[in-house]
Amino acid sequence: MKKLCILLLVFGSGLFAACGNEESGKDGNTERKTMTTDKPMLDESLVGTYIGQLPCATCEAMQTSIILREDNSYAISTKAVNDTNLIVPAVDSGTFVIRNEILELTDAGGERTMYRISKDQLCQLGEDGAQLTGNGKQDYIFKKQH
């Protein structure tokens, strides 16, 4: 019985040590481990407004602006260029997370849109994560406004 108690104590101590979130570095100092998470994480350099165009079957293009805010919320406004039937812009909003250089926007209905992050621009991706292609080189690329 005494051996069983000692074994449980040793096993429990090992379990608690394995569950900790700190590890000792080469110099003996304790440092925090980095964790990957799906929780929102803000990259301050991403905050701002991005402007681009999307293809449009009935108009010249859909002028689109994406606003990324510090609280990990976003708003998208899309307006038809040179189309008198679509004069009111469509507006959508929700939250965003960043995973492996990919910006993922999720609206209130749960619909997700992904963008590859590069220096001062976002490139829209398809549901499969592949880059979208459109009528011209400028389609699906959103440049940060300074």
C-alpha atoms as a PDB file:
ATOM      1  CA  MET A   1       0.000   0.000   0.000  1.00  0.00           C
ATOM      2  CA  LYS A   2       2.827   2.397   0.882  1.00  0.00           C
ATOM      3  CA  LYS A   3       4.498   1.700  -2.500  1.00  0.00           C
ATOM      4  CA  LEU A   4       1.212   2.446  -4.287  1.00  0.00           C
ATOM      5  CA  CYS A   5       0.907   5.834  -2.524  1.00  0.00           C
ATOM      6  CA  ILE A   6       4.507   6.742  -3.401  1.00  0.00           C
ATOM      7  CA  LEU A   7       3.958   5.662  -7.010  1.00  0.00           C
ATOM      8  CA  LEU A   8       0.792   7.790  -7.267  1.00  0.00           C
ATOM      9  CA  LEU A   9       2.590  10.768  -5.726  1.00  0.00           C
ATOM     10  CA  VAL A  10       5.493  10.469  -8.199  1.00  0.00           C
ATOM     11  CA  PHE A  11       3.125   9.977 -11.156  1.00  0.00           C
ATOM     12  CA  GLY A  12       0.972  12.946 -10.080  1.00  0.00           C
ATOM     13  CA  SER A  13       4.027  15.197  -9.736  1.00  0.00           C
ATOM     14  CA  GLY A  14       5.170  14.227 -13.214  1.00  0.00           C
ATOM     15  CA  LEU A  15       1.706  14.921 -14.573  1.00  0.00           C
ATOM     16  CA  PHE A  16       1.609  18.417 -13.064  1.00  0.00           C
ATOM     17  CA  ALA A  17       5.100  19.162 -14.378  1.00  0.00           C
ATOM     18  CA  ALA A  18       4.053  18.065 -17.874  1.00  0.00           C
ATOM     19  CA  CYS A  19       0.995  20.334 -17.765  1.00  0.00           C
ATOM     20  CA  GLY A  20       2.959  23.481 -16.882  1.00  0.00           C
ATOM     21  CA  ASN A  21       3.387  26.269 -19.396  1.00  0.00           C
ATOM     22  CA  GLU A  22       6.972  27.152 -18.547  1.00  0.00           C
ATOM     23  CA  GLU A  23      10.222  25.512 -19.457  1.00  0.00           C
ATOM     24  CA  SER A  24      13.804  26.083 -18.506  1.00  0.00           C
ATOM     25  CA  GLY A  25      16.043  27.520 -21.212  1.00  0.00           C
ATOM     26  CA  LYS A  26      19.698  26.624 -21.875  1.00  0.00           C
ATOM     27  CA  ASP A  27      20.853  29.304 -19.449  1.00  0.00           C
ATOM     28  CA  GLY A  28      18.618  27.965 -16.666  1.00  0.00           C
ATOM     29  CA  ASN A  29      16.159  30.862 -16.834  1.00  0.00           C
ATOM     30  CA  THR A  30      12.481  30.060 -16.976  1.00  0.00           C
ATOM     31  CA  GLU A  31      10.713  31.191 -20.136  1.00  0.00           C
ATOM     32  CA  ARG A  32       7.145  30.933 -21.402  1.00  0.00           C
ATOM     33  CA  LYS A  33       6.298  28.554 -24.236  1.00  0.00           C
ATOM     34  CA  THR A  34       4.644  30.006 -27.293  1.00  0.00           C
ATOM     35  CA  MET A  35       1.245  28.551 -27.995  1.00  0.00           C
ATOM     36  CA  THR A  36      -0.699  28.362 -31.215  1.00  0.00           C
ATOM     37  CA  THR A  37      -4.348  29.203 -30.715  1.00  0.00           C
ATOM     38  CA  ASP A  38      -7.451  29.950 -32.731  1.00  0.00           C
ATOM     39  CA  LYS A  39      -8.328  32.837 -30.414  1.00  0.00           C
ATOM     40  CA  PRO A  40      -8.137  36.285 -31.978  1.00  0.00           C
ATOM     41  CA  MET A  41      -4.607  37.674 -32.012  1.00  0.00           C
ATOM     42  CA  LEU A  42      -3.985  41.157 -33.261  1.00  0.00           C
ATOM     43  CA  ASP A  43      -1.018  42.093 -35.360  1.00  0.00           C
ATOM     44  CA  GLU A  44      -1.018  45.884 -34.956  1.00  0.00           C
ATOM     45  CA  SER A  45       0.516  46.372 -38.403  1.00  0.00           C
ATOM     46  CA  LEU A  46      -2.653  44.895 -39.942  1.00  0.00           C
ATOM     47  CA  VAL A  47      -5.025  47.455 -38.425  1.00  0.00           C
ATOM     48  CA  GLY A  48      -6.334  49.828 -41.073  1.00  0.00           C
ATOM     49  CA  THR A  49      -8.294  50.073 -44.300  1.00  0.00           C
ATOM     50  CA  TYR A  50      -7.609  47.969 -47.395  1.00  0.00           C
ATOM     51  CA  ILE A  51      -9.059  48.887 -50.805  1.00  0.00           C
ATOM     52  CA  GLY A  52      -9.484  46.625 -53.815  1.00  0.00           C
ATOM     53  CA  GLN A  53     -11.798  45.477 -56.565  1.00  0.00           C
ATOM     54  CA  LEU A  54     -13.780  42.333 -57.115  1.00  0.00           C
ATOM     55  CA  PRO A  55     -15.056  41.171 -60.520  1.00  0.00           C
ATOM     56  CA  CYS A  56     -18.656  42.039 -61.378  1.00  0.00           C
ATOM     57  CA  ALA A  57     -20.820  40.421 -64.050  1.00  0.00           C
ATOM     58  CA  THR A  58     -23.118  43.439 -64.516  1.00  0.00           C
ATOM     59  CA  CYS A  59     -20.752  46.328 -63.834  1.00  0.00           C
ATOM     60  CA  GLU A  60     -17.172  47.473 -64.298  1.00  0.00           C
ATOM     61  CA  ALA A  61     -16.073  46.180 -60.848  1.00  0.00           C
ATOM     62  CA  MET A  62     -17.075  46.014 -57.206  1.00  0.00           C
ATOM     63  CA  GLN A  63     -15.054  48.601 -55.250  1.00  0.00           C
ATOM     64  CA  THR A  64     -14.414  46.991 -51.866  1.00  0.00           C
ATOM     65  CA  SER A  65     -12.930  48.283 -48.625  1.00  0.00           C
ATOM     66  CA  ILE A  66     -11.988  46.105 -45.686  1.00  0.00           C
ATOM     67  CA  ILE A  67     -11.508  47.808 -42.322  1.00  0.00           C
ATOM     68  CA  LEU A  68      -9.589  45.832 -39.675  1.00  0.00           C
ATOM     69  CA  ARG A  69      -9.914  47.191 -36.127  1.00  0.00           C
ATOM     70  CA  GLU A  70      -7.754  46.785 -33.019  1.00  0.00           C
ATOM     71  CA  ASP A  71     -10.446  44.735 -31.228  1.00  0.00           C
ATOM     72  CA  ASN A  72     -10.283  42.014 -33.931  1.00  0.00           C
ATOM     73  CA  SER A  73     -13.500  43.169 -35.559  1.00  0.00           C
ATOM     74  CA  TYR A  74     -13.882  44.107 -39.208  1.00  0.00           C
ATOM     75  CA  ALA A  75     -16.267  45.803 -41.621  1.00  0.00           C
ATOM     76  CA  ILE A  76     -16.458  45.335 -45.386  1.00  0.00           C
ATOM     77  CA  SER A  77     -18.177  47.757 -47.728  1.00  0.00           C
ATOM     78  CA  THR A  78     -18.752  46.817 -51.390  1.00  0.00           C
ATOM     79  CA  LYS A  79     -20.141  49.176 -54.041  1.00  0.00           C
ATOM     80  CA  ALA A  80     -20.647  48.644 -57.768  1.00  0.00           C
ATOM     81  CA  VAL A  81     -18.599  50.869 -60.084  1.00  0.00           C
ATOM     82  CA  ASN A  82     -20.596  52.461 -62.941  1.00  0.00           C
ATOM     83  CA  ASP A  83     -23.853  50.612 -62.237  1.00  0.00           C
ATOM     84  CA  THR A  84     -26.894  52.780 -61.583  1.00  0.00           C
ATOM     85  CA  ASN A  85     -28.944  49.779 -60.363  1.00  0.00           C
ATOM     86  CA  LEU A  86     -26.566  49.035 -57.476  1.00  0.00           C
ATOM     87  CA  ILE A  87     -25.956  52.446 -55.933  1.00  0.00           C
ATOM     88  CA  VAL A  88     -26.224  51.485 -52.243  1.00  0.00           C
ATOM     89  CA  PRO A  89     -23.097  49.769 -50.876  1.00  0.00           C
ATOM     90  CA  ALA A  90     -23.391  46.351 -49.253  1.00  0.00           C
ATOM     91  CA  VAL A  91     -21.911  46.308 -45.734  1.00  0.00           C
ATOM     92  CA  ASP A  92     -20.872  43.266 -43.704  1.00  0.00           C
ATOM     93  CA  SER A  93     -19.040  42.889 -40.401  1.00  0.00           C
ATOM     94  CA  GLY A  94     -17.751  40.329 -37.932  1.00  0.00           C
ATOM     95  CA  THR A  95     -14.530  39.216 -36.274  1.00  0.00           C
ATOM     96  CA  PHE A  96     -11.166  37.997 -37.500  1.00  0.00           C
ATOM     97  CA  VAL A  97      -8.327  35.696 -36.467  1.00  0.00           C
ATOM     98  CA  ILE A  98      -4.855  35.176 -37.894  1.00  0.00           C
ATOM     99  CA  ARG A  99      -3.556  31.647 -38.516  1.00  0.00           C
ATOM    100  CA  ASN A 100      -0.234  30.959 -40.241  1.00  0.00           C
ATOM    101  CA  GLU A 101      -0.114  34.177 -42.326  1.00  0.00           C
ATOM    102  CA  ILE A 102      -3.811  33.787 -43.209  1.00  0.00           C
ATOM    103  CA  LEU A 103      -6.406  36.342 -42.134  1.00  0.00           C
ATOM    104  CA  GLU A 104      -9.781  34.693 -41.578  1.00  0.00           C
ATOM    105  CA  LEU A 105     -12.893  36.876 -41.403  1.00  0.00           C
ATOM    106  CA  THR A 106     -16.079  35.403 -39.927  1.00  0.00           C
ATOM    107  CA  ASP A 107     -19.361  37.272 -40.273  1.00  0.00           C
ATOM    108  CA  ALA A 108     -22.366  37.101 -37.918  1.00  0.00           C
ATOM    109  CA  GLY A 109     -23.848  34.214 -39.955  1.00  0.00           C
ATOM    110  CA  GLY A 110     -20.670  32.129 -39.605  1.00  0.00           C
ATOM    111  CA  GLU A 111     -19.521  32.585 -43.212  1.00  0.00           C
ATOM    112  CA  ARG A 112     -15.729  32.713 -43.508  1.00  0.00           C
ATOM    113  CA  THR A 113     -13.483  34.486 -45.994  1.00  0.00           C
ATOM    114  CA  MET A 114      -9.714  34.009 -46.073  1.00  0.00           C
ATOM    115  CA  TYR A 115      -6.915  36.337 -47.188  1.00  0.00           C
ATOM    116  CA  ARG A 116      -3.174  35.748 -47.469  1.00  0.00           C
ATOM    117  CA  ILE A 117      -1.313  38.474 -45.598  1.00  0.00           C
ATOM    118  CA  SER A 118       1.652  40.110 -47.300  1.00  0.00           C
ATOM    119  CA  LYS A 119       3.337  43.472 -46.881  1.00  0.00           C
ATOM    120  CA  ASP A 120       0.612  46.145 -46.905  1.00  0.00           C
ATOM    121  CA  GLN A 121      -1.874  44.006 -48.809  1.00  0.00           C
ATOM    122  CA  LEU A 122      -4.372  41.171 -48.528  1.00  0.00           C
ATOM    123  CA  CYS A 123      -4.969  38.623 -51.268  1.00  0.00           C
ATOM    124  CA  GLN A 124      -8.344  36.890 -51.160  1.00  0.00           C
ATOM    125  CA  LEU A 125      -8.303  33.088 -51.145  1.00  0.00           C
ATOM    126  CA  GLY A 126     -10.909  30.538 -52.104  1.00  0.00           C
ATOM    127  CA  GLU A 127     -12.534  28.088 -49.685  1.00  0.00           C
ATOM    128  CA  ASP A 128      -9.733  25.627 -50.485  1.00  0.00           C
ATOM    129  CA  GLY A 129      -7.066  28.196 -49.540  1.00  0.00           C
ATOM    130  CA  ALA A 130      -5.928  28.717 -53.146  1.00  0.00           C
ATOM    131  CA  GLN A 131      -5.495  32.198 -54.605  1.00  0.00           C
ATOM    132  CA  LEU A 132      -8.516  33.379 -56.588  1.00  0.00           C
ATOM    133  CA  THR A 133      -8.131  34.506 -60.172  1.00  0.00           C
ATOM    134  CA  GLY A 134     -10.377  36.953 -61.967  1.00  0.00           C
ATOM    135  CA  ASN A 135     -10.640  39.247 -64.955  1.00  0.00           C
ATOM    136  CA  GLY A 136      -7.469  41.169 -64.232  1.00  0.00           C
ATOM    137  CA  LYS A 137      -4.328  41.231 -62.193  1.00  0.00           C
ATOM    138  CA  GLN A 138      -5.853  43.657 -59.668  1.00  0.00           C
ATOM    139  CA  ASP A 139      -8.819  41.405 -58.794  1.00  0.00           C
ATOM    140  CA  TYR A 140      -8.905  39.989 -55.260  1.00  0.00           C
ATOM    141  CA  ILE A 141      -5.949  42.102 -54.050  1.00  0.00           C
ATOM    142  CA  PHE A 142      -6.603  44.705 -51.368  1.00  0.00           C
ATOM    143  CA  LYS A 143      -3.943  47.347 -50.675  1.00  0.00           C
ATOM    144  CA  LYS A 144      -3.547  49.080 -47.343  1.00  0.00           C
ATOM    145  CA  GLN A 145      -4.313  52.795 -47.364  1.00  0.00           C
ATOM    146  CA  HIS A 146      -1.838  54.999 -45.517  1.00  0.00           C
END
